[in-house]
Amino acid sequence: MITVKDVEHVAKLARLELTEEEKETYTKQLGDVLKYVEQMNEVDTSNVEPMAHPIDFVNVMRDDKVYYEQTKEALMQNAPEEENGFFKVPKING
């Protein structure tokens, strides 16, 4: 059973300031949630297989295919300056 003290404790942990009315409301709401969970615990699930997802599905992925659309020479034509086969850029002082 959830008490107002429990709600106050959780509110303190979450750094929330609650009014007395909010404390009463949340106490009832949390109590209702716990009652519902207890109801679910009463259901016989002994013949139910555990699952990670309610829908069976298979991850469809394509095979990776390595291909080169451009050659290094074609890419280096875009370089304003080149040095030893690499783009030459200004030095950055940090």
PDB file of N, CA and C in Angstrom:
ATOM      1  N   MET A   1       0.843  -1.180   0.000  1.00  0.00           N
ATOM      2  CA  MET A   1       0.000   0.000   0.000  1.00  0.00           C
ATOM      3  C   MET A   1       0.887   1.241   0.000  1.00  0.00           C
ATOM      4  N   ILE A   2       0.640   2.131  -0.921  1.00  0.00           N
ATOM      5  CA  ILE A   2       1.393   3.387  -1.018  1.00  0.00           C
ATOM      6  C   ILE A   2       0.837   4.383  -0.010  1.00  0.00           C
ATOM      7  N   THR A   3       1.733   5.038   0.690  1.00  0.00           N
ATOM      8  CA  THR A   3       1.312   6.058   1.653  1.00  0.00           C
ATOM      9  C   THR A   3       1.774   7.433   1.179  1.00  0.00           C
ATOM     10  N   VAL A   4       1.250   8.458   1.827  1.00  0.00           N
ATOM     11  CA  VAL A   4       1.659   9.826   1.513  1.00  0.00           C
ATOM     12  C   VAL A   4       3.156   9.983   1.765  1.00  0.00           C
ATOM     13  N   LYS A   5       3.664   9.309   2.800  1.00  0.00           N
ATOM     14  CA  LYS A   5       5.107   9.371   3.092  1.00  0.00           C
ATOM     15  C   LYS A   5       5.925   8.808   1.920  1.00  0.00           C
ATOM     16  N   ASP A   6       5.435   7.744   1.295  1.00  0.00           N
ATOM     17  CA  ASP A   6       6.123   7.169   0.121  1.00  0.00           C
ATOM     18  C   ASP A   6       6.170   8.188  -1.013  1.00  0.00           C
ATOM     19  N   VAL A   7       5.048   8.840  -1.252  1.00  0.00           N
ATOM     20  CA  VAL A   7       4.982   9.857  -2.319  1.00  0.00           C
ATOM     21  C   VAL A   7       5.912  11.013  -1.983  1.00  0.00           C
ATOM     22  N   GLU A   8       5.939  11.434  -0.731  1.00  0.00           N
ATOM     23  CA  GLU A   8       6.831  12.519  -0.327  1.00  0.00           C
ATOM     24  C   GLU A   8       8.289  12.120  -0.536  1.00  0.00           C
ATOM     25  N   HIS A   9       8.620  10.871  -0.217  1.00  0.00           N
ATOM     26  CA  HIS A   9       9.997  10.384  -0.395  1.00  0.00           C
ATOM     27  C   HIS A   9      10.401  10.404  -1.875  1.00  0.00           C
ATOM     28  N   VAL A  10       9.524   9.882  -2.730  1.00  0.00           N
ATOM     29  CA  VAL A  10       9.810   9.871  -4.162  1.00  0.00           C
ATOM     30  C   VAL A  10       9.909  11.299  -4.696  1.00  0.00           C
ATOM     31  N   ALA A  11       9.034  12.173  -4.245  1.00  0.00           N
ATOM     32  CA  ALA A  11       9.074  13.572  -4.678  1.00  0.00           C
ATOM     33  C   ALA A  11      10.389  14.225  -4.252  1.00  0.00           C
ATOM     34  N   LYS A  12      10.849  13.898  -3.055  1.00  0.00           N
ATOM     35  CA  LYS A  12      12.123  14.451  -2.585  1.00  0.00           C
ATOM     36  C   LYS A  12      13.282  13.962  -3.459  1.00  0.00           C
ATOM     37  N   LEU A  13      13.279  12.657  -3.785  1.00  0.00           N
ATOM     38  CA  LEU A  13      14.327  12.097  -4.639  1.00  0.00           C
ATOM     39  C   LEU A  13      14.316  12.751  -6.022  1.00  0.00           C
ATOM     40  N   ALA A  14      13.121  13.074  -6.519  1.00  0.00           N
ATOM     41  CA  ALA A  14      12.988  13.689  -7.837  1.00  0.00           C
ATOM     42  C   ALA A  14      13.086  15.210  -7.765  1.00  0.00           C
ATOM     43  N   ARG A  15      13.306  15.721  -6.562  1.00  0.00           N
ATOM     44  CA  ARG A  15      13.410  17.161  -6.324  1.00  0.00           C
ATOM     45  C   ARG A  15      12.161  17.899  -6.816  1.00  0.00           C
ATOM     46  N   LEU A  16      11.005  17.340  -6.432  1.00  0.00           N
ATOM     47  CA  LEU A  16       9.721  17.935  -6.789  1.00  0.00           C
ATOM     48  C   LEU A  16       9.060  18.500  -5.542  1.00  0.00           C
ATOM     49  N   GLU A  17       8.439  19.634  -5.696  1.00  0.00           N
ATOM     50  CA  GLU A  17       7.647  20.195  -4.615  1.00  0.00           C
ATOM     51  C   GLU A  17       6.191  19.924  -4.937  1.00  0.00           C
ATOM     52  N   LEU A  18       5.504  19.225  -4.041  1.00  0.00           N
ATOM     53  CA  LEU A  18       4.109  18.869  -4.269  1.00  0.00           C
ATOM     54  C   LEU A  18       3.222  19.532  -3.229  1.00  0.00           C
ATOM     55  N   THR A  19       2.032  19.924  -3.674  1.00  0.00           N
ATOM     56  CA  THR A  19       1.040  20.433  -2.728  1.00  0.00           C
ATOM     57  C   THR A  19       0.420  19.252  -2.004  1.00  0.00           C
ATOM     58  N   GLU A  20      -0.297  19.518  -0.920  1.00  0.00           N
ATOM     59  CA  GLU A  20      -0.955  18.449  -0.185  1.00  0.00           C
ATOM     60  C   GLU A  20      -1.977  17.733  -1.079  1.00  0.00           C
ATOM     61  N   GLU A  21      -2.648  18.498  -1.928  1.00  0.00           N
ATOM     62  CA  GLU A  21      -3.629  17.913  -2.845  1.00  0.00           C
ATOM     63  C   GLU A  21      -2.950  16.974  -3.844  1.00  0.00           C
ATOM     64  N   GLU A  22      -1.786  17.387  -4.367  1.00  0.00           N
ATOM     65  CA  GLU A  22      -1.047  16.540  -5.310  1.00  0.00           C
ATOM     66  C   GLU A  22      -0.563  15.261  -4.627  1.00  0.00           C
ATOM     67  N   LYS A  23      -0.120  15.393  -3.387  1.00  0.00           N
ATOM     68  CA  LYS A  23       0.344  14.208  -2.656  1.00  0.00           C
ATOM     69  C   LYS A  23      -0.777  13.189  -2.513  1.00  0.00           C
ATOM     70  N   GLU A  24      -1.975  13.663  -2.180  1.00  0.00           N
ATOM     71  CA  GLU A  24      -3.123  12.766  -2.043  1.00  0.00           C
ATOM     72  C   GLU A  24      -3.473  12.121  -3.395  1.00  0.00           C
ATOM     73  N   THR A  25      -3.450  12.939  -4.452  1.00  0.00           N
ATOM     74  CA  THR A  25      -3.780  12.437  -5.795  1.00  0.00           C
ATOM     75  C   THR A  25      -2.784  11.371  -6.224  1.00  0.00           C
ATOM     76  N   TYR A  26      -1.491  11.655  -6.062  1.00  0.00           N
ATOM     77  CA  TYR A  26      -0.461  10.709  -6.493  1.00  0.00           C
ATOM     78  C   TYR A  26      -0.459   9.446  -5.639  1.00  0.00           C
ATOM     79  N   THR A  27      -0.800   9.587  -4.362  1.00  0.00           N
ATOM     80  CA  THR A  27      -0.885   8.410  -3.494  1.00  0.00           C
ATOM     81  C   THR A  27      -1.958   7.466  -4.020  1.00  0.00           C
ATOM     82  N   LYS A  28      -3.117   8.001  -4.380  1.00  0.00           N
ATOM     83  CA  LYS A  28      -4.204   7.173  -4.917  1.00  0.00           C
ATOM     84  C   LYS A  28      -3.804   6.576  -6.263  1.00  0.00           C
ATOM     85  N   GLN A  29      -3.223   7.400  -7.154  1.00  0.00           N
ATOM     86  CA  GLN A  29      -2.857   6.917  -8.492  1.00  0.00           C
ATOM     87  C   GLN A  29      -1.805   5.819  -8.419  1.00  0.00           C
ATOM     88  N   LEU A  30      -0.772   6.002  -7.611  1.00  0.00           N
ATOM     89  CA  LEU A  30       0.269   4.976  -7.490  1.00  0.00           C
ATOM     90  C   LEU A  30      -0.289   3.702  -6.857  1.00  0.00           C
ATOM     91  N   GLY A  31      -1.188   3.859  -5.897  1.00  0.00           N
ATOM     92  CA  GLY A  31      -1.831   2.697  -5.293  1.00  0.00           C
ATOM     93  C   GLY A  31      -2.633   1.917  -6.323  1.00  0.00           C
ATOM     94  N   ASP A  32      -3.352   2.646  -7.197  1.00  0.00           N
ATOM     95  CA  ASP A  32      -4.130   1.993  -8.259  1.00  0.00           C
ATOM     96  C   ASP A  32      -3.219   1.232  -9.220  1.00  0.00           C
ATOM     97  N   VAL A  33      -2.074   1.813  -9.545  1.00  0.00           N
ATOM     98  CA  VAL A  33      -1.128   1.147 -10.441  1.00  0.00           C
ATOM     99  C   VAL A  33      -0.635  -0.152  -9.805  1.00  0.00           C
ATOM    100  N   LEU A  34      -0.281  -0.098  -8.540  1.00  0.00           N
ATOM    101  CA  LEU A  34       0.204  -1.304  -7.860  1.00  0.00           C
ATOM    102  C   LEU A  34      -0.876  -2.376  -7.765  1.00  0.00           C
ATOM    103  N   LYS A  35      -2.130  -1.975  -7.561  1.00  0.00           N
ATOM    104  CA  LYS A  35      -3.223  -2.947  -7.542  1.00  0.00           C
ATOM    105  C   LYS A  35      -3.336  -3.633  -8.898  1.00  0.00           C
ATOM    106  N   TYR A  36      -3.192  -2.870  -9.953  1.00  0.00           N
ATOM    107  CA  TYR A  36      -3.274  -3.436 -11.299  1.00  0.00           C
ATOM    108  C   TYR A  36      -2.127  -4.422 -11.536  1.00  0.00           C
ATOM    109  N   VAL A  37      -0.930  -4.075 -11.093  1.00  0.00           N
ATOM    110  CA  VAL A  37       0.219  -4.974 -11.249  1.00  0.00           C
ATOM    111  C   VAL A  37      -0.028  -6.263 -10.465  1.00  0.00           C
ATOM    112  N   GLU A  38      -0.601  -6.146  -9.279  1.00  0.00           N
ATOM    113  CA  GLU A  38      -0.910  -7.350  -8.494  1.00  0.00           C
ATOM    114  C   GLU A  38      -1.926  -8.225  -9.222  1.00  0.00           C
ATOM    115  N   GLN A  39      -2.898  -7.591  -9.907  1.00  0.00           N
ATOM    116  CA  GLN A  39      -3.868  -8.351 -10.697  1.00  0.00           C
ATOM    117  C   GLN A  39      -3.152  -9.127 -11.794  1.00  0.00           C
ATOM    118  N   MET A  40      -2.206  -8.500 -12.439  1.00  0.00           N
ATOM    119  CA  MET A  40      -1.479  -9.156 -13.520  1.00  0.00           C
ATOM    120  C   MET A  40      -0.650 -10.322 -12.984  1.00  0.00           C
ATOM    121  N   ASN A  41      -0.163 -10.215 -11.766  1.00  0.00           N
ATOM    122  CA  ASN A  41       0.611 -11.308 -11.169  1.00  0.00           C
ATOM    123  C   ASN A  41      -0.244 -12.537 -10.903  1.00  0.00           C
ATOM    124  N   GLU A  42      -1.551 -12.380 -10.825  1.00  0.00           N
ATOM    125  CA  GLU A  42      -2.446 -13.499 -10.569  1.00  0.00           C
ATOM    126  C   GLU A  42      -2.729 -14.320 -11.828  1.00  0.00           C
ATOM    127  N   VAL A  43      -2.380 -13.806 -12.993  1.00  0.00           N
ATOM    128  CA  VAL A  43      -2.644 -14.502 -14.245  1.00  0.00           C
ATOM    129  C   VAL A  43      -1.673 -15.672 -14.393  1.00  0.00           C
ATOM    130  N   ASP A  44      -2.211 -16.825 -14.778  1.00  0.00           N
ATOM    131  CA  ASP A  44      -1.386 -18.018 -14.973  1.00  0.00           C
ATOM    132  C   ASP A  44      -0.629 -17.894 -16.294  1.00  0.00           C
ATOM    133  N   THR A  45       0.673 -17.757 -16.220  1.00  0.00           N
ATOM    134  CA  THR A  45       1.505 -17.631 -17.423  1.00  0.00           C
ATOM    135  C   THR A  45       2.456 -18.818 -17.571  1.00  0.00           C
ATOM    136  N   SER A  46       2.138 -19.920 -16.913  1.00  0.00           N
ATOM    137  CA  SER A  46       3.046 -21.067 -16.923  1.00  0.00           C
ATOM    138  C   SER A  46       3.229 -21.653 -18.320  1.00  0.00           C
ATOM    139  N   ASN A  47       2.229 -21.554 -19.190  1.00  0.00           N
ATOM    140  CA  ASN A  47       2.357 -22.100 -20.543  1.00  0.00           C
ATOM    141  C   ASN A  47       2.643 -21.021 -21.582  1.00  0.00           C
ATOM    142  N   VAL A  48       3.032 -19.864 -21.141  1.00  0.00           N
ATOM    143  CA  VAL A  48       3.317 -18.760 -22.061  1.00  0.00           C
ATOM    144  C   VAL A  48       4.824 -18.628 -22.210  1.00  0.00           C
ATOM    145  N   GLU A  49       5.269 -18.649 -23.456  1.00  0.00           N
ATOM    146  CA  GLU A  49       6.694 -18.544 -23.735  1.00  0.00           C
ATOM    147  C   GLU A  49       7.153 -17.086 -23.585  1.00  0.00           C
ATOM    148  N   PRO A  50       8.279 -16.846 -22.911  1.00  0.00           N
ATOM    149  CA  PRO A  50       8.776 -15.467 -22.802  1.00  0.00           C
ATOM    150  C   PRO A  50       9.107 -14.904 -24.179  1.00  0.00           C
ATOM    151  N   MET A  51       8.912 -13.606 -24.329  1.00  0.00           N
ATOM    152  CA  MET A  51       9.211 -12.983 -25.614  1.00  0.00           C
ATOM    153  C   MET A  51       9.808 -11.605 -25.390  1.00  0.00           C
ATOM    154  N   ALA A  52      10.558 -11.163 -26.389  1.00  0.00           N
ATOM    155  CA  ALA A  52      11.173  -9.840 -26.316  1.00  0.00           C
ATOM    156  C   ALA A  52      10.353  -8.815 -27.063  1.00  0.00           C
ATOM    157  N   HIS A  53       9.497  -9.284 -27.981  1.00  0.00           N
ATOM    158  CA  HIS A  53       8.698  -8.381 -28.794  1.00  0.00           C
ATOM    159  C   HIS A  53       7.384  -9.076 -29.118  1.00  0.00           C
ATOM    160  N   PRO A  54       6.262  -8.356 -29.100  1.00  0.00           N
ATOM    161  CA  PRO A  54       4.979  -9.018 -29.337  1.00  0.00           C
ATOM    162  C   PRO A  54       4.759  -9.476 -30.777  1.00  0.00           C
ATOM    163  N   ILE A  55       5.532  -8.976 -31.711  1.00  0.00           N
ATOM    164  CA  ILE A  55       5.362  -9.335 -33.119  1.00  0.00           C
ATOM    165  C   ILE A  55       6.613 -10.059 -33.591  1.00  0.00           C
ATOM    166  N   ASP A  56       6.426 -11.224 -34.236  1.00  0.00           N
ATOM    167  CA  ASP A  56       7.572 -11.922 -34.807  1.00  0.00           C
ATOM    168  C   ASP A  56       8.019 -11.190 -36.063  1.00  0.00           C
ATOM    169  N   PHE A  57       9.262 -10.852 -36.106  1.00  0.00           N
ATOM    170  CA  PHE A  57       9.788 -10.221 -37.311  1.00  0.00           C
ATOM    171  C   PHE A  57      11.256 -10.563 -37.445  1.00  0.00           C
ATOM    172  N   VAL A  58      11.731 -10.444 -38.668  1.00  0.00           N
ATOM    173  CA  VAL A  58      13.122 -10.732 -38.964  1.00  0.00           C
ATOM    174  C   VAL A  58      13.740  -9.452 -39.491  1.00  0.00           C
ATOM    175  N   ASN A  59      14.902  -9.142 -39.015  1.00  0.00           N
ATOM    176  CA  ASN A  59      15.594  -7.952 -39.480  1.00  0.00           C
ATOM    177  C   ASN A  59      16.104  -8.210 -40.899  1.00  0.00           C
ATOM    178  N   VAL A  60      15.577  -7.459 -41.837  1.00  0.00           N
ATOM    179  CA  VAL A  60      15.953  -7.645 -43.235  1.00  0.00           C
ATOM    180  C   VAL A  60      17.072  -6.672 -43.557  1.00  0.00           C
ATOM    181  N   MET A  61      18.200  -7.217 -43.915  1.00  0.00           N
ATOM    182  CA  MET A  61      19.340  -6.357 -44.222  1.00  0.00           C
ATOM    183  C   MET A  61      19.940  -6.828 -45.536  1.00  0.00           C
ATOM    184  N   ARG A  62      20.436  -5.889 -46.268  1.00  0.00           N
ATOM    185  CA  ARG A  62      21.073  -6.241 -47.520  1.00  0.00           C
ATOM    186  C   ARG A  62      22.540  -6.576 -47.265  1.00  0.00           C
ATOM    187  N   ASP A  63      23.135  -7.326 -48.166  1.00  0.00           N
ATOM    188  CA  ASP A  63      24.555  -7.619 -48.065  1.00  0.00           C
ATOM    189  C   ASP A  63      25.341  -6.355 -48.374  1.00  0.00           C
ATOM    190  N   ASP A  64      26.406  -6.145 -47.626  1.00  0.00           N
ATOM    191  CA  ASP A  64      27.290  -5.023 -47.925  1.00  0.00           C
ATOM    192  C   ASP A  64      28.057  -5.319 -49.196  1.00  0.00           C
ATOM    193  N   LYS A  65      28.070  -4.367 -50.079  1.00  0.00           N
ATOM    194  CA  LYS A  65      28.833  -4.515 -51.314  1.00  0.00           C
ATOM    195  C   LYS A  65      29.782  -3.327 -51.400  1.00  0.00           C
ATOM    196  N   VAL A  66      31.042  -3.627 -51.500  1.00  0.00           N
ATOM    197  CA  VAL A  66      32.042  -2.577 -51.590  1.00  0.00           C
ATOM    198  C   VAL A  66      32.214  -2.196 -53.052  1.00  0.00           C
ATOM    199  N   TYR A  67      32.073  -0.932 -53.312  1.00  0.00           N
ATOM    200  CA  TYR A  67      32.316  -0.452 -54.672  1.00  0.00           C
ATOM    201  C   TYR A  67      32.809   0.984 -54.588  1.00  0.00           C
ATOM    202  N   TYR A  68      33.561   1.375 -55.552  1.00  0.00           N
ATOM    203  CA  TYR A  68      34.128   2.712 -55.583  1.00  0.00           C
ATOM    204  C   TYR A  68      33.534   3.452 -56.775  1.00  0.00           C
ATOM    205  N   GLU A  69      32.839   4.536 -56.459  1.00  0.00           N
ATOM    206  CA  GLU A  69      32.232   5.311 -57.537  1.00  0.00           C
ATOM    207  C   GLU A  69      33.235   6.254 -58.176  1.00  0.00           C
ATOM    208  N   GLN A  70      34.220   6.679 -57.371  1.00  0.00           N
ATOM    209  CA  GLN A  70      35.192   7.631 -57.892  1.00  0.00           C
ATOM    210  C   GLN A  70      36.589   7.135 -57.574  1.00  0.00           C
ATOM    211  N   THR A  71      37.500   7.473 -58.422  1.00  0.00           N
ATOM    212  CA  THR A  71      38.889   7.109 -58.174  1.00  0.00           C
ATOM    213  C   THR A  71      39.528   8.199 -57.329  1.00  0.00           C
ATOM    214  N   LYS A  72      40.635   7.872 -56.716  1.00  0.00           N
ATOM    215  CA  LYS A  72      41.357   8.852 -55.922  1.00  0.00           C
ATOM    216  C   LYS A  72      41.793  10.017 -56.802  1.00  0.00           C
ATOM    217  N   GLU A  73      42.213   9.724 -58.004  1.00  0.00           N
ATOM    218  CA  GLU A  73      42.660  10.778 -58.917  1.00  0.00           C
ATOM    219  C   GLU A  73      41.516  11.745 -59.225  1.00  0.00           C
ATOM    220  N   ALA A  74      40.313  11.207 -59.441  1.00  0.00           N
ATOM    221  CA  ALA A  74      39.161  12.064 -59.725  1.00  0.00           C
ATOM    222  C   ALA A  74      38.828  12.933 -58.520  1.00  0.00           C
ATOM    223  N   LEU A  75      38.938  12.371 -57.325  1.00  0.00           N
ATOM    224  CA  LEU A  75      38.661  13.157 -56.120  1.00  0.00           C
ATOM    225  C   LEU A  75      39.727  14.219 -55.896  1.00  0.00           C
ATOM    226  N   MET A  76      40.975  13.897 -56.172  1.00  0.00           N
ATOM    227  CA  MET A  76      42.062  14.846 -55.945  1.00  0.00           C
ATOM    228  C   MET A  76      41.988  16.039 -56.907  1.00  0.00           C
ATOM    229  N   GLN A  77      41.232  15.904 -57.972  1.00  0.00           N
ATOM    230  CA  GLN A  77      41.057  17.039 -58.879  1.00  0.00           C
ATOM    231  C   GLN A  77      40.296  18.173 -58.203  1.00  0.00           C
ATOM    232  N   ASN A  78      39.584  17.881 -57.127  1.00  0.00           N
ATOM    233  CA  ASN A  78      38.838  18.901 -56.380  1.00  0.00           C
ATOM    234  C   ASN A  78      39.698  19.612 -55.345  1.00  0.00           C
ATOM    235  N   ALA A  79      40.892  19.119 -55.113  1.00  0.00           N
ATOM    236  CA  ALA A  79      41.747  19.697 -54.080  1.00  0.00           C
ATOM    237  C   ALA A  79      42.355  21.002 -54.572  1.00  0.00           C
ATOM    238  N   PRO A  80      42.212  22.081 -53.776  1.00  0.00           N
ATOM    239  CA  PRO A  80      42.863  23.323 -54.160  1.00  0.00           C
ATOM    240  C   PRO A  80      44.382  23.164 -54.146  1.00  0.00           C
ATOM    241  N   GLU A  81      44.875  22.369 -53.164  1.00  0.00           N
ATOM    242  CA  GLU A  81      46.306  22.053 -53.091  1.00  0.00           C
ATOM    243  C   GLU A  81      46.443  20.588 -52.701  1.00  0.00           C
ATOM    244  N   GLU A  82      47.511  19.967 -53.201  1.00  0.00           N
ATOM    245  CA  GLU A  82      47.737  18.558 -52.932  1.00  0.00           C
ATOM    246  C   GLU A  82      49.184  18.382 -52.500  1.00  0.00           C
ATOM    247  N   GLU A  83      49.377  17.455 -51.541  1.00  0.00           N
ATOM    248  CA  GLU A  83      50.742  17.160 -51.116  1.00  0.00           C
ATOM    249  C   GLU A  83      50.830  15.671 -50.824  1.00  0.00           C
ATOM    250  N   ASN A  84      51.706  14.979 -51.530  1.00  0.00           N
ATOM    251  CA  ASN A  84      51.926  13.542 -51.358  1.00  0.00           C
ATOM    252  C   ASN A  84      50.632  12.733 -51.502  1.00  0.00           C
ATOM    253  N   GLY A  85      49.771  13.148 -52.401  1.00  0.00           N
ATOM    254  CA  GLY A  85      48.539  12.409 -52.643  1.00  0.00           C
ATOM    255  C   GLY A  85      47.415  12.700 -51.672  1.00  0.00           C
ATOM    256  N   PHE A  86      47.558  13.750 -50.840  1.00  0.00           N
ATOM    257  CA  PHE A  86      46.532  14.120 -49.869  1.00  0.00           C
ATOM    258  C   PHE A  86      46.121  15.572 -50.074  1.00  0.00           C
ATOM    259  N   PHE A  87      44.924  15.919 -49.599  1.00  0.00           N
ATOM    260  CA  PHE A  87      44.507  17.316 -49.605  1.00  0.00           C
ATOM    261  C   PHE A  87      45.425  18.096 -48.674  1.00  0.00           C
ATOM    262  N   LYS A  88      45.889  19.236 -49.104  1.00  0.00           N
ATOM    263  CA  LYS A  88      46.718  20.087 -48.253  1.00  0.00           C
ATOM    264  C   LYS A  88      45.803  21.196 -47.744  1.00  0.00           C
ATOM    265  N   VAL A  89      45.750  21.338 -46.424  1.00  0.00           N
ATOM    266  CA  VAL A  89      44.894  22.342 -45.811  1.00  0.00           C
ATOM    267  C   VAL A  89      45.730  23.195 -44.883  1.00  0.00           C
ATOM    268  N   PRO A  90      45.237  24.390 -44.557  1.00  0.00           N
ATOM    269  CA  PRO A  90      45.992  25.260 -43.647  1.00  0.00           C
ATOM    270  C   PRO A  90      46.099  24.626 -42.253  1.00  0.00           C
ATOM    271  N   LYS A  91      47.217  24.874 -41.582  1.00  0.00           N
ATOM    272  CA  LYS A  91      47.424  24.371 -40.236  1.00  0.00           C
ATOM    273  C   LYS A  91      46.481  25.084 -39.287  1.00  0.00           C
ATOM    274  N   ILE A  92      45.950  24.354 -38.333  1.00  0.00           N
ATOM    275  CA  ILE A  92      45.060  24.947 -37.344  1.00  0.00           C
ATOM    276  C   ILE A  92      45.814  25.030 -36.030  1.00  0.00           C
ATOM    277  N   ASN A  93      45.913  26.212 -35.477  1.00  0.00           N
ATOM    278  CA  ASN A  93      46.580  26.405 -34.199  1.00  0.00           C
ATOM    279  C   ASN A  93      45.528  26.400 -33.107  1.00  0.00           C
ATOM    280  N   GLY A  94      45.691  25.514 -32.154  1.00  0.00           N
ATOM    281  CA  GLY A  94      44.689  25.367 -31.087  1.00  0.00           C
ATOM    282  C   GLY A  94      45.165  25.985 -29.882  1.00  0.00           C
TER     283      GLY A  94
END
